N, C-alpha and C. Protein backbone atom coordinates (compact mmCIF):
# COMPACT_ATOMS: atom_id res chain seq x y z
N MET A 1 54.84 29.56 -24.06
CA MET A 1 54.81 30.04 -22.71
C MET A 1 54.32 28.92 -21.57
N ARG A 2 53.14 28.36 -22.15
CA ARG A 2 52.37 27.28 -20.98
C ARG A 2 53.38 26.17 -20.83
N SER A 3 54.15 25.65 -21.91
CA SER A 3 55.12 24.75 -21.79
C SER A 3 56.13 25.02 -20.89
N THR A 4 56.72 26.36 -21.16
CA THR A 4 57.63 26.79 -20.19
C THR A 4 57.25 26.50 -18.69
N LEU A 5 56.13 27.38 -18.56
CA LEU A 5 55.48 27.21 -17.13
C LEU A 5 55.48 25.99 -16.55
N MET A 6 55.03 24.98 -17.33
CA MET A 6 54.92 23.83 -16.85
C MET A 6 56.05 23.17 -16.37
N LEU A 7 57.30 23.39 -17.29
CA LEU A 7 58.63 22.76 -16.88
C LEU A 7 59.08 23.51 -15.58
N VAL A 8 58.86 24.76 -15.54
CA VAL A 8 59.56 25.40 -14.29
C VAL A 8 58.47 24.81 -13.18
N VAL A 9 57.33 24.71 -13.11
CA VAL A 9 56.55 23.95 -11.99
C VAL A 9 56.92 22.61 -11.92
N CYS A 10 57.14 21.85 -12.75
CA CYS A 10 57.62 20.43 -12.67
C CYS A 10 58.98 20.22 -12.18
N ALA A 11 59.86 21.28 -12.50
CA ALA A 11 61.28 21.09 -11.60
C ALA A 11 61.06 21.62 -10.52
N SER A 12 60.31 22.71 -10.11
CA SER A 12 60.40 23.06 -8.62
C SER A 12 59.92 21.90 -7.77
N LEU A 13 58.80 20.97 -8.30
CA LEU A 13 58.41 19.97 -7.53
C LEU A 13 59.33 18.78 -7.71
N GLY A 14 60.56 18.95 -8.10
CA GLY A 14 61.50 17.71 -8.19
C GLY A 14 61.10 16.64 -9.30
N LEU A 15 60.10 16.99 -10.28
CA LEU A 15 59.74 16.05 -11.35
C LEU A 15 60.72 16.04 -12.48
N ALA A 16 60.99 14.92 -13.02
CA ALA A 16 61.79 15.12 -14.41
C ALA A 16 60.86 15.57 -15.56
N SER A 17 59.77 15.37 -15.59
CA SER A 17 59.01 15.56 -16.59
C SER A 17 57.58 15.81 -16.17
N CYS A 18 56.58 16.33 -17.22
CA CYS A 18 55.09 16.35 -16.80
C CYS A 18 54.60 15.81 -17.93
N GLU A 19 53.70 14.55 -17.25
CA GLU A 19 52.96 13.80 -18.39
C GLU A 19 51.67 14.49 -18.60
N SER A 20 51.14 15.47 -18.02
CA SER A 20 49.83 16.00 -18.32
C SER A 20 50.03 17.57 -18.91
N SER A 21 49.37 17.99 -19.94
CA SER A 21 49.42 19.51 -20.29
C SER A 21 48.47 19.91 -19.61
N PRO A 22 48.31 21.37 -19.71
CA PRO A 22 47.25 22.18 -19.27
C PRO A 22 45.94 21.55 -19.84
N THR A 23 45.98 21.14 -20.90
CA THR A 23 44.76 20.91 -21.51
C THR A 23 44.34 19.51 -21.06
N ASP A 24 45.32 18.48 -20.77
CA ASP A 24 44.70 17.31 -19.92
C ASP A 24 44.17 17.66 -18.62
N VAL A 25 44.89 18.57 -17.74
CA VAL A 25 44.37 18.86 -16.42
C VAL A 25 42.85 19.44 -16.67
N LYS A 26 42.59 20.44 -17.54
CA LYS A 26 41.18 20.91 -17.91
C LYS A 26 40.29 19.86 -17.89
N SER A 27 40.80 18.76 -19.03
CA SER A 27 39.85 17.89 -19.47
C SER A 27 39.50 16.92 -18.10
N ASP A 28 40.57 16.31 -17.39
CA ASP A 28 40.29 15.71 -16.22
C ASP A 28 39.32 16.71 -15.15
N ALA A 29 39.28 17.87 -15.08
CA ALA A 29 38.41 18.69 -14.14
C ALA A 29 37.08 18.37 -14.64
N ALA A 30 36.79 18.57 -16.14
CA ALA A 30 35.62 18.56 -16.71
C ALA A 30 35.09 17.23 -16.45
N ALA A 31 35.75 16.30 -16.86
CA ALA A 31 35.22 14.82 -16.74
C ALA A 31 34.86 14.56 -15.34
N SER A 32 35.60 15.31 -14.28
CA SER A 32 35.17 14.95 -12.81
C SER A 32 33.81 15.60 -12.61
N LYS A 33 33.52 16.92 -12.97
CA LYS A 33 32.27 17.60 -13.12
C LYS A 33 31.28 16.68 -13.79
N ALA A 34 31.50 16.19 -14.86
CA ALA A 34 30.64 15.24 -15.60
C ALA A 34 30.04 13.99 -15.17
N GLU A 35 30.96 13.39 -14.00
CA GLU A 35 30.64 12.17 -13.56
C GLU A 35 29.20 11.82 -12.81
N PRO A 36 28.51 13.05 -12.26
CA PRO A 36 27.25 12.88 -11.71
C PRO A 36 26.20 12.97 -12.86
N ALA A 37 26.39 13.54 -14.06
CA ALA A 37 25.66 13.39 -15.07
C ALA A 37 25.79 12.18 -15.76
N LYS A 38 27.18 11.59 -15.76
CA LYS A 38 26.91 10.38 -16.16
C LYS A 38 26.21 9.06 -15.79
N LYS A 39 26.23 9.44 -14.55
CA LYS A 39 25.48 8.38 -13.47
C LYS A 39 24.18 8.64 -13.77
N GLU A 40 23.68 9.77 -13.97
CA GLU A 40 22.19 10.03 -14.08
C GLU A 40 21.94 9.55 -15.36
N SER A 41 22.64 9.82 -16.60
CA SER A 41 22.34 9.21 -17.62
C SER A 41 22.05 7.65 -17.77
N ALA A 42 23.11 7.06 -17.13
CA ALA A 42 23.12 5.51 -17.04
C ALA A 42 21.74 5.10 -16.28
N LYS A 43 21.34 5.78 -15.52
CA LYS A 43 20.19 5.34 -14.79
C LYS A 43 18.84 5.58 -15.87
N GLU A 44 18.97 6.67 -16.40
CA GLU A 44 17.95 6.87 -17.66
C GLU A 44 17.88 5.91 -18.90
N GLU A 45 19.23 5.52 -18.99
CA GLU A 45 19.70 4.46 -20.09
C GLU A 45 18.79 3.24 -19.76
N ALA A 46 18.94 3.07 -18.43
CA ALA A 46 18.43 1.55 -17.85
C ALA A 46 16.87 1.68 -17.79
N GLY A 47 16.30 2.78 -18.01
CA GLY A 47 14.90 2.84 -18.39
C GLY A 47 14.25 3.05 -17.05
N GLU A 48 14.93 3.70 -15.98
CA GLU A 48 14.31 3.94 -14.85
C GLU A 48 14.07 5.50 -14.56
N GLN A 49 13.00 5.95 -14.08
CA GLN A 49 13.05 7.32 -13.61
C GLN A 49 11.89 7.64 -12.78
N GLU A 50 12.35 8.08 -11.57
CA GLU A 50 11.32 8.35 -10.32
C GLU A 50 10.35 9.46 -10.85
N ILE A 51 9.14 9.15 -10.56
CA ILE A 51 7.88 10.29 -10.54
C ILE A 51 7.84 11.25 -9.51
N ASP A 52 7.66 12.64 -9.75
CA ASP A 52 7.49 13.41 -8.47
C ASP A 52 6.11 13.39 -7.77
N VAL A 53 6.09 13.13 -6.53
CA VAL A 53 4.98 12.77 -6.04
C VAL A 53 3.67 13.84 -6.09
N VAL A 54 3.94 15.14 -6.60
CA VAL A 54 2.88 16.17 -6.90
C VAL A 54 2.28 15.78 -7.89
N ASP A 55 2.87 14.94 -8.86
CA ASP A 55 2.18 14.28 -10.18
C ASP A 55 1.61 13.04 -9.66
N LEU A 56 1.58 12.63 -8.44
CA LEU A 56 1.12 11.20 -8.16
C LEU A 56 -0.33 11.59 -7.24
N ALA A 57 -0.15 12.62 -6.40
CA ALA A 57 -1.29 12.67 -5.35
C ALA A 57 -2.52 12.86 -5.96
N ALA A 58 -2.87 13.37 -6.98
CA ALA A 58 -4.26 13.57 -7.78
C ALA A 58 -4.80 12.17 -8.29
N ASP A 59 -3.60 11.52 -8.43
CA ASP A 59 -4.11 10.09 -9.09
C ASP A 59 -4.66 9.00 -8.05
N ALA A 60 -4.14 9.24 -6.81
CA ALA A 60 -4.52 8.31 -5.81
C ALA A 60 -5.92 8.35 -5.41
N LYS A 61 -6.58 7.42 -5.46
CA LYS A 61 -8.12 7.14 -4.90
C LYS A 61 -8.47 6.79 -3.71
N ILE A 62 -7.33 6.27 -2.86
CA ILE A 62 -7.41 5.88 -1.48
C ILE A 62 -6.39 6.93 -0.86
N ARG A 63 -6.59 7.22 0.53
CA ARG A 63 -5.81 7.73 1.13
C ARG A 63 -4.73 7.14 1.95
N LEU A 64 -3.61 7.82 2.16
CA LEU A 64 -2.27 7.08 2.96
C LEU A 64 -2.91 6.58 4.10
N SER A 65 -3.71 6.90 4.95
CA SER A 65 -4.40 6.28 5.97
C SER A 65 -4.89 5.03 5.89
N GLN A 66 -5.70 4.71 4.68
CA GLN A 66 -5.96 3.65 4.50
C GLN A 66 -5.16 2.46 3.87
N ALA A 67 -4.29 3.18 3.18
CA ALA A 67 -3.09 1.85 2.83
C ALA A 67 -2.51 1.71 3.86
N LEU A 68 -2.07 2.35 4.78
CA LEU A 68 -1.55 2.03 6.13
C LEU A 68 -2.06 0.88 6.97
N ALA A 69 -3.43 1.27 6.91
CA ALA A 69 -4.30 0.01 7.61
C ALA A 69 -4.32 -1.11 6.97
N THR A 70 -4.50 -1.10 5.78
CA THR A 70 -4.51 -2.18 4.75
C THR A 70 -3.30 -3.10 5.02
N ALA A 71 -2.12 -2.23 4.97
CA ALA A 71 -0.81 -2.88 4.82
C ALA A 71 -0.59 -3.61 6.13
N LEU A 72 -0.87 -3.09 7.41
CA LEU A 72 -0.73 -3.60 8.63
C LEU A 72 -1.85 -4.66 9.07
N ALA A 73 -2.85 -4.65 8.21
CA ALA A 73 -3.76 -5.93 8.46
C ALA A 73 -3.25 -6.99 7.21
N ALA A 74 -2.43 -6.70 6.46
CA ALA A 74 -1.67 -7.97 5.92
C ALA A 74 -0.65 -8.54 6.32
N LYS A 75 -0.09 -7.44 7.18
CA LYS A 75 1.58 -7.85 7.74
C LYS A 75 1.56 -7.32 9.34
N PRO A 76 0.99 -7.82 10.12
CA PRO A 76 0.98 -7.15 11.41
C PRO A 76 2.48 -6.93 11.96
N GLY A 77 2.40 -5.55 12.57
CA GLY A 77 3.70 -5.19 13.18
C GLY A 77 3.63 -3.88 13.42
N ASP A 78 4.82 -3.28 13.61
CA ASP A 78 5.10 -1.83 13.81
C ASP A 78 5.59 -1.07 12.44
N ALA A 79 4.66 -0.15 11.97
CA ALA A 79 4.70 0.31 10.76
C ALA A 79 5.84 1.42 11.16
N VAL A 80 6.93 1.63 10.39
CA VAL A 80 7.88 2.75 10.39
C VAL A 80 7.86 4.01 9.50
N ALA A 81 7.37 3.69 8.15
CA ALA A 81 7.20 4.46 7.25
C ALA A 81 6.36 4.01 6.09
N ALA A 82 5.76 4.95 5.58
CA ALA A 82 4.77 4.85 4.47
C ALA A 82 4.63 6.06 3.50
N GLU A 83 4.72 5.79 2.21
CA GLU A 83 4.58 6.78 1.11
C GLU A 83 4.01 6.21 -0.12
N LEU A 84 3.61 7.22 -0.79
CA LEU A 84 3.18 7.31 -2.08
C LEU A 84 4.47 7.48 -3.06
N GLU A 85 4.47 6.47 -3.92
CA GLU A 85 5.54 6.39 -4.94
C GLU A 85 5.38 5.91 -6.02
N GLY A 86 6.12 6.48 -7.14
CA GLY A 86 6.26 5.90 -8.39
C GLY A 86 7.18 6.14 -9.34
N ASP A 87 7.36 5.17 -10.23
CA ASP A 87 8.60 5.42 -11.33
C ASP A 87 8.25 4.90 -12.65
N VAL A 88 8.89 5.13 -13.40
CA VAL A 88 8.79 4.62 -14.96
C VAL A 88 9.96 3.78 -15.22
N GLU A 89 9.88 2.71 -15.71
CA GLU A 89 10.83 1.62 -15.99
C GLU A 89 10.74 0.84 -17.11
N ASN A 90 11.55 1.16 -18.06
CA ASN A 90 11.37 0.51 -19.52
C ASN A 90 10.08 1.08 -20.12
N GLY A 91 9.37 2.25 -19.77
CA GLY A 91 8.24 2.58 -20.51
C GLY A 91 7.32 2.31 -19.62
N LYS A 92 7.11 1.53 -18.50
CA LYS A 92 5.99 1.09 -17.87
C LYS A 92 5.84 1.75 -16.61
N ARG A 93 4.75 2.62 -16.27
CA ARG A 93 4.56 3.49 -15.29
C ARG A 93 3.92 2.60 -13.86
N SER A 94 4.78 2.68 -12.72
CA SER A 94 4.33 1.89 -11.67
C SER A 94 4.15 2.81 -10.48
N VAL A 95 3.04 2.69 -9.78
CA VAL A 95 2.51 3.64 -8.68
C VAL A 95 1.91 2.67 -7.52
N ALA A 96 2.22 2.98 -6.52
CA ALA A 96 1.52 2.29 -5.10
C ALA A 96 2.01 3.01 -3.93
N TYR A 97 1.24 2.84 -2.88
CA TYR A 97 1.68 3.28 -1.47
C TYR A 97 2.82 1.93 -1.18
N GLU A 98 3.66 2.33 -0.41
CA GLU A 98 4.77 1.31 0.13
C GLU A 98 4.93 1.49 1.67
N VAL A 99 4.56 0.60 2.41
CA VAL A 99 4.64 0.59 3.73
C VAL A 99 5.72 -0.31 4.30
N ALA A 100 6.71 0.14 5.23
CA ALA A 100 7.75 -0.43 5.71
C ALA A 100 7.35 -0.99 7.14
N ILE A 101 7.34 -1.98 7.47
CA ILE A 101 6.92 -2.86 8.66
C ILE A 101 8.05 -3.88 9.41
N VAL A 102 8.28 -3.55 10.49
CA VAL A 102 8.99 -4.30 11.45
C VAL A 102 8.35 -5.14 12.20
N ASP A 103 8.19 -6.45 11.99
CA ASP A 103 7.43 -7.53 12.79
C ASP A 103 7.90 -7.85 14.18
N ALA A 104 7.29 -8.53 14.95
CA ALA A 104 7.72 -8.96 16.26
C ALA A 104 8.98 -9.84 16.41
N ASP A 105 9.45 -10.34 15.32
CA ASP A 105 10.56 -10.86 15.22
C ASP A 105 11.95 -10.17 14.77
N GLY A 106 11.51 -8.90 14.37
CA GLY A 106 12.80 -7.78 13.79
C GLY A 106 12.80 -7.92 12.35
N VAL A 107 11.79 -8.79 11.67
CA VAL A 107 12.29 -8.82 10.30
C VAL A 107 11.52 -7.51 9.75
N VAL A 108 12.07 -7.00 8.55
CA VAL A 108 11.55 -5.84 7.92
C VAL A 108 10.91 -6.18 6.41
N TRP A 109 9.60 -5.86 6.31
CA TRP A 109 8.48 -6.19 5.28
C TRP A 109 8.24 -4.98 4.46
N ALA A 110 8.20 -5.16 3.28
CA ALA A 110 7.66 -4.23 2.54
C ALA A 110 6.45 -4.33 1.90
N VAL A 111 5.33 -3.70 2.09
CA VAL A 111 4.11 -3.96 1.56
C VAL A 111 3.52 -3.07 0.61
N LYS A 112 3.13 -3.29 -0.58
CA LYS A 112 2.68 -2.35 -1.50
C LYS A 112 1.25 -2.42 -1.60
N VAL A 113 0.48 -1.29 -1.51
CA VAL A 113 -1.01 -1.02 -1.84
C VAL A 113 -1.50 -0.30 -2.90
N ASP A 114 -2.02 -0.75 -3.63
CA ASP A 114 -2.54 -0.19 -5.12
C ASP A 114 -3.02 1.25 -4.71
N HIS A 115 -2.90 2.05 -5.31
CA HIS A 115 -3.19 3.65 -4.92
C HIS A 115 -4.59 3.88 -5.54
N VAL A 116 -5.11 2.91 -6.47
CA VAL A 116 -6.43 3.03 -6.93
C VAL A 116 -7.59 2.18 -6.28
N THR A 117 -7.06 1.18 -6.43
CA THR A 117 -8.21 -0.08 -5.62
C THR A 117 -8.00 -0.06 -4.08
N GLY A 118 -7.00 0.22 -3.60
CA GLY A 118 -6.78 -0.21 -2.16
C GLY A 118 -6.19 -1.38 -1.66
N LYS A 119 -6.25 -2.31 -2.85
CA LYS A 119 -5.76 -3.79 -2.70
C LYS A 119 -4.39 -4.17 -2.32
N VAL A 120 -4.02 -5.18 -1.58
CA VAL A 120 -2.50 -5.37 -1.42
C VAL A 120 -1.94 -6.05 -2.93
N ALA A 121 -0.68 -5.22 -3.13
CA ALA A 121 -0.32 -5.60 -4.43
C ALA A 121 0.95 -6.51 -4.22
N SER A 122 1.63 -6.37 -3.18
CA SER A 122 2.75 -7.38 -2.71
C SER A 122 2.95 -7.45 -1.28
N VAL A 123 3.49 -8.43 -0.69
CA VAL A 123 4.06 -8.38 0.48
C VAL A 123 5.54 -9.22 0.42
N GLU A 124 6.50 -8.34 0.42
CA GLU A 124 7.81 -8.92 0.43
C GLU A 124 8.77 -8.67 1.78
N LYS A 125 9.54 -9.64 1.82
CA LYS A 125 10.56 -9.53 2.88
C LYS A 125 11.77 -8.70 2.56
N GLU A 126 12.15 -7.60 3.15
CA GLU A 126 13.02 -6.78 2.57
C GLU A 126 14.44 -7.31 2.62
N ASP A 127 15.27 -7.27 1.47
CA ASP A 127 16.54 -7.86 1.41
C ASP A 127 17.35 -7.16 1.30
N GLU A 128 17.44 -5.91 0.95
CA GLU A 128 18.67 -5.03 0.77
C GLU A 128 19.08 -4.34 2.18
N ALA A 129 20.33 -4.82 2.49
CA ALA A 129 20.97 -4.51 3.64
C ALA A 129 20.75 -2.93 3.97
N ASP A 130 20.99 -2.13 3.26
CA ASP A 130 20.77 -0.69 3.70
C ASP A 130 19.58 -0.30 4.11
N GLU A 131 18.33 -0.88 3.34
CA GLU A 131 17.12 -0.59 3.73
C GLU A 131 16.71 -1.13 5.07
N ILE A 132 17.06 -2.24 5.44
CA ILE A 132 16.72 -3.09 6.60
C ILE A 132 17.52 -2.22 7.59
N GLU A 133 18.62 -1.87 7.47
CA GLU A 133 19.26 -1.21 8.64
C GLU A 133 18.54 0.26 8.83
N GLU A 134 18.23 1.17 7.79
CA GLU A 134 17.43 2.31 7.69
C GLU A 134 16.20 2.06 8.50
N PHE A 135 15.37 1.14 8.17
CA PHE A 135 13.90 0.95 8.76
C PHE A 135 14.14 0.72 10.35
N LYS A 136 15.11 -0.09 10.60
CA LYS A 136 15.35 -0.56 12.02
C LYS A 136 15.67 0.62 12.94
N GLU A 137 16.54 1.34 12.22
CA GLU A 137 17.04 2.67 12.75
C GLU A 137 15.85 3.51 13.34
N LYS A 138 14.98 3.77 12.20
CA LYS A 138 13.84 4.59 12.34
C LYS A 138 13.02 3.77 13.63
N ARG A 139 12.71 2.56 13.61
CA ARG A 139 11.90 1.90 14.60
C ARG A 139 12.73 2.42 16.26
N GLU A 140 13.86 2.17 16.19
CA GLU A 140 14.73 2.48 17.34
C GLU A 140 14.76 3.82 17.81
N ALA A 141 14.97 4.52 16.88
CA ALA A 141 14.76 6.18 17.08
C ALA A 141 13.55 6.72 17.62
N ALA A 142 12.37 5.89 17.28
CA ALA A 142 11.12 6.35 17.66
C ALA A 142 10.55 6.51 19.17
N GLY A 143 11.72 5.49 19.77
CA GLY A 143 11.42 5.39 21.31
C GLY A 143 10.37 4.51 21.63
N ALA A 144 10.86 3.76 22.67
CA ALA A 144 9.99 2.66 23.23
C ALA A 144 8.33 2.98 23.34
N GLU A 145 7.93 4.18 23.72
CA GLU A 145 6.74 4.39 23.79
C GLU A 145 6.01 5.34 22.71
N HIS A 146 6.58 5.01 21.53
CA HIS A 146 5.85 6.20 20.65
C HIS A 146 4.36 5.74 20.20
N LEU A 147 3.64 7.16 19.53
CA LEU A 147 2.50 6.58 19.08
C LEU A 147 2.48 6.02 17.76
N SER A 148 1.51 5.33 17.52
CA SER A 148 1.56 4.64 15.76
C SER A 148 1.55 5.51 14.95
N LEU A 149 2.23 5.14 13.76
CA LEU A 149 2.53 5.82 12.75
C LEU A 149 0.99 6.37 12.09
N ALA A 150 -0.13 5.59 12.30
CA ALA A 150 -1.34 6.01 11.93
C ALA A 150 -1.91 7.00 12.93
N GLU A 151 -1.61 7.13 13.99
CA GLU A 151 -1.97 8.42 14.86
C GLU A 151 -1.32 9.60 14.68
N LEU A 152 -0.07 9.61 14.59
CA LEU A 152 0.84 10.40 14.11
C LEU A 152 0.60 11.18 12.46
N LEU A 153 0.30 10.30 11.76
CA LEU A 153 -0.23 10.61 10.28
C LEU A 153 -1.59 11.38 10.41
N LEU A 154 -2.59 11.06 11.62
CA LEU A 154 -3.73 11.91 11.86
C LEU A 154 -3.36 13.24 12.28
N ARG A 155 -2.71 13.28 13.23
CA ARG A 155 -2.33 14.55 13.93
C ARG A 155 -1.40 15.54 12.95
N GLY A 156 -0.67 14.97 12.18
CA GLY A 156 -0.06 15.63 11.12
C GLY A 156 -0.70 16.33 10.06
N THR A 157 -2.00 15.63 9.67
CA THR A 157 -3.11 15.83 8.68
C THR A 157 -3.69 17.20 9.14
N LYS A 158 -4.08 17.10 10.38
CA LYS A 158 -5.17 18.11 10.99
C LYS A 158 -4.21 19.23 11.07
N ALA A 159 -2.99 19.28 11.25
CA ALA A 159 -2.06 20.36 11.46
C ALA A 159 -1.54 21.53 10.16
N ALA A 160 -2.09 20.56 9.10
CA ALA A 160 -1.47 21.49 7.94
C ALA A 160 -2.49 20.98 6.63
N LYS A 161 -2.57 21.75 5.64
CA LYS A 161 -3.52 21.80 4.55
C LYS A 161 -2.74 20.97 3.37
N GLY A 162 -3.54 19.84 2.85
CA GLY A 162 -3.07 19.33 1.80
C GLY A 162 -3.40 17.65 1.93
N THR A 163 -3.00 16.98 0.91
CA THR A 163 -2.95 15.70 0.95
C THR A 163 -1.77 14.84 1.32
N PRO A 164 -1.87 14.10 2.33
CA PRO A 164 -0.69 13.28 3.08
C PRO A 164 -0.10 12.41 2.08
N VAL A 165 1.36 12.23 1.66
CA VAL A 165 1.81 11.45 0.77
C VAL A 165 2.96 10.71 1.51
N GLU A 166 3.16 10.94 2.73
CA GLU A 166 4.10 10.25 3.37
C GLU A 166 4.33 10.41 5.04
N VAL A 167 4.41 9.49 5.61
CA VAL A 167 4.58 9.70 6.95
C VAL A 167 5.78 8.74 7.40
N THR A 168 6.55 9.02 8.22
CA THR A 168 7.75 8.10 8.70
C THR A 168 8.32 8.71 9.88
N PHE A 169 8.73 7.58 10.94
CA PHE A 169 9.66 8.00 11.89
C PHE A 169 10.96 8.63 11.36
N ARG A 170 11.66 9.36 12.06
CA ARG A 170 13.10 9.70 11.70
C ARG A 170 14.10 9.28 12.33
N GLY A 171 15.24 9.24 11.65
CA GLY A 171 16.62 8.61 12.26
C GLY A 171 16.91 9.12 13.75
N LYS A 172 18.41 8.47 13.50
CA LYS A 172 19.01 8.85 15.05
C LYS A 172 19.29 10.38 15.03
N LYS A 173 19.54 11.15 13.86
CA LYS A 173 20.02 12.49 14.09
C LYS A 173 18.30 13.45 14.82
N HIS A 174 17.31 12.88 14.60
CA HIS A 174 16.12 13.28 14.73
C HIS A 174 15.46 12.12 15.89
N ALA A 175 15.92 11.56 16.59
CA ALA A 175 15.22 10.76 17.58
C ALA A 175 13.96 11.22 18.27
N GLY A 176 13.01 10.38 17.95
CA GLY A 176 11.92 10.78 19.01
C GLY A 176 10.94 11.74 18.07
N GLN A 177 11.20 11.53 16.82
CA GLN A 177 10.35 12.40 15.98
C GLN A 177 9.86 11.78 14.71
N ALA A 178 8.68 12.44 14.25
CA ALA A 178 8.02 11.66 13.14
C ALA A 178 7.60 12.98 12.24
N ARG A 179 7.39 12.42 10.95
CA ARG A 179 7.32 13.58 9.93
C ARG A 179 6.08 13.14 8.87
N VAL A 180 5.38 14.17 8.69
CA VAL A 180 4.39 13.89 7.75
C VAL A 180 4.38 14.81 6.39
N GLU A 181 4.63 14.07 5.33
CA GLU A 181 4.75 15.18 4.21
C GLU A 181 3.32 15.23 3.32
N LEU A 182 3.10 16.36 2.93
CA LEU A 182 1.73 16.73 2.27
C LEU A 182 1.92 17.44 0.91
N VAL A 183 0.94 17.32 0.00
CA VAL A 183 0.82 17.96 -1.16
C VAL A 183 -0.50 18.64 -1.31
N ASP A 184 -0.31 19.83 -1.78
CA ASP A 184 -1.57 20.78 -1.91
C ASP A 184 -1.43 21.48 -3.31
N GLY A 185 -1.80 21.02 -4.39
CA GLY A 185 -1.51 21.52 -5.51
C GLY A 185 -0.41 21.06 -6.28
N ARG A 186 0.47 22.03 -6.42
CA ARG A 186 1.88 21.90 -6.62
C ARG A 186 2.71 22.21 -5.72
N THR A 187 2.39 22.57 -4.27
CA THR A 187 3.01 22.61 -3.29
C THR A 187 3.11 21.82 -2.17
N LYS A 188 4.66 21.38 -1.71
CA LYS A 188 4.65 20.52 -0.86
C LYS A 188 5.06 21.05 0.43
N SER A 189 4.49 20.46 1.67
CA SER A 189 4.82 21.02 3.03
C SER A 189 4.91 19.81 3.86
N SER A 190 5.38 20.12 5.09
CA SER A 190 5.88 19.00 5.93
C SER A 190 5.47 19.34 7.31
N VAL A 191 4.93 18.46 8.30
CA VAL A 191 4.81 18.63 9.57
C VAL A 191 5.57 17.82 10.53
N THR A 192 6.52 18.08 11.36
CA THR A 192 7.58 17.30 12.12
C THR A 192 6.84 17.25 13.73
N LEU A 193 6.43 15.78 14.14
CA LEU A 193 5.83 15.63 15.15
C LEU A 193 6.72 15.09 16.24
N ASP A 194 6.29 15.23 17.71
CA ASP A 194 6.95 14.42 18.71
C ASP A 194 6.28 13.08 18.75
N ALA A 195 7.17 11.97 18.40
CA ALA A 195 6.70 10.53 18.10
C ALA A 195 5.99 10.03 19.43
N LYS A 196 6.17 10.62 20.51
CA LYS A 196 5.58 10.20 21.67
C LYS A 196 4.36 10.80 22.33
N THR A 197 4.28 12.22 21.98
CA THR A 197 3.15 12.86 22.46
C THR A 197 2.17 13.45 21.48
N GLY A 198 2.86 13.31 20.13
CA GLY A 198 1.76 13.84 18.93
C GLY A 198 1.93 15.34 18.95
N LYS A 199 2.79 15.98 19.56
CA LYS A 199 2.90 17.43 19.48
C LYS A 199 3.70 17.78 18.47
N VAL A 200 2.95 18.94 17.61
CA VAL A 200 3.65 19.60 16.41
C VAL A 200 4.85 20.29 16.95
N LEU A 201 6.05 19.86 16.30
CA LEU A 201 7.16 20.72 16.54
C LEU A 201 7.46 21.66 15.56
N GLU A 202 7.17 21.65 14.33
CA GLU A 202 7.55 22.34 13.36
C GLU A 202 6.64 22.15 12.15
N LYS A 203 6.50 23.15 11.23
CA LYS A 203 5.68 23.13 10.13
C LYS A 203 6.57 23.77 8.95
N LYS A 204 6.74 23.21 7.83
CA LYS A 204 7.28 24.08 6.78
C LYS A 204 6.43 24.10 5.54
C-alpha cells in the first residue's frame, strides 16, 4: 500500500523513481530532531560542562562589586560586563568572576578575579571576534554619558533582594539600558536600569 502510494506521488511530481522509502523519510526527520542532542553530547564528550550560577553564588567569598573594582584596578577602562561563571572541563572545576573591559584604545580585555581570594587570576586580551564585537556593541549601546557599571550595580542591588552575580550593559535592541542579575537561594531575578540615570525600568 505504502509503495503504491509513493509511486503515485512520485509520478505526479514527474519523478522516474523514488530513492527514499517512507521509513527513510522518518529516519531523516528523527535524525534532524536528534541533531541538537548530538551537539550537546559532543560538548559533554569534550569534557566541558557549564555550572548553573545558582550553584556558584553561595561559594563566592567576595562580592561582584569587589571583583569589578579589582579588575578595573588591574586594567583601567570602561567595564561593560561582569559576571560570576564556572564550568567543569575534563573533570576540573573552574570558577571566577570575569569582567570585560574596553580600554582607551578600544581594545577588549577579559579580566578574571578569583571568587574566593579576590585576587586577579588572569588578564587577557580578548581574541574571539564575536566576543570583541559583542562587548564593543554593549559599550556603544550604553550611550556616551552612561553611569559606570559599578554605580549601576549598586543601584540594581538596592532595588532587589539577593546576591548579584552579573551586571552588564545591554546591546543594540536595548540601547541605553543595563541589567543586574541576582540569586536568592535557588531563585534568580533581574533588574533593568536606565544606563544614563540609573532609574529602575523593570524588575523580574
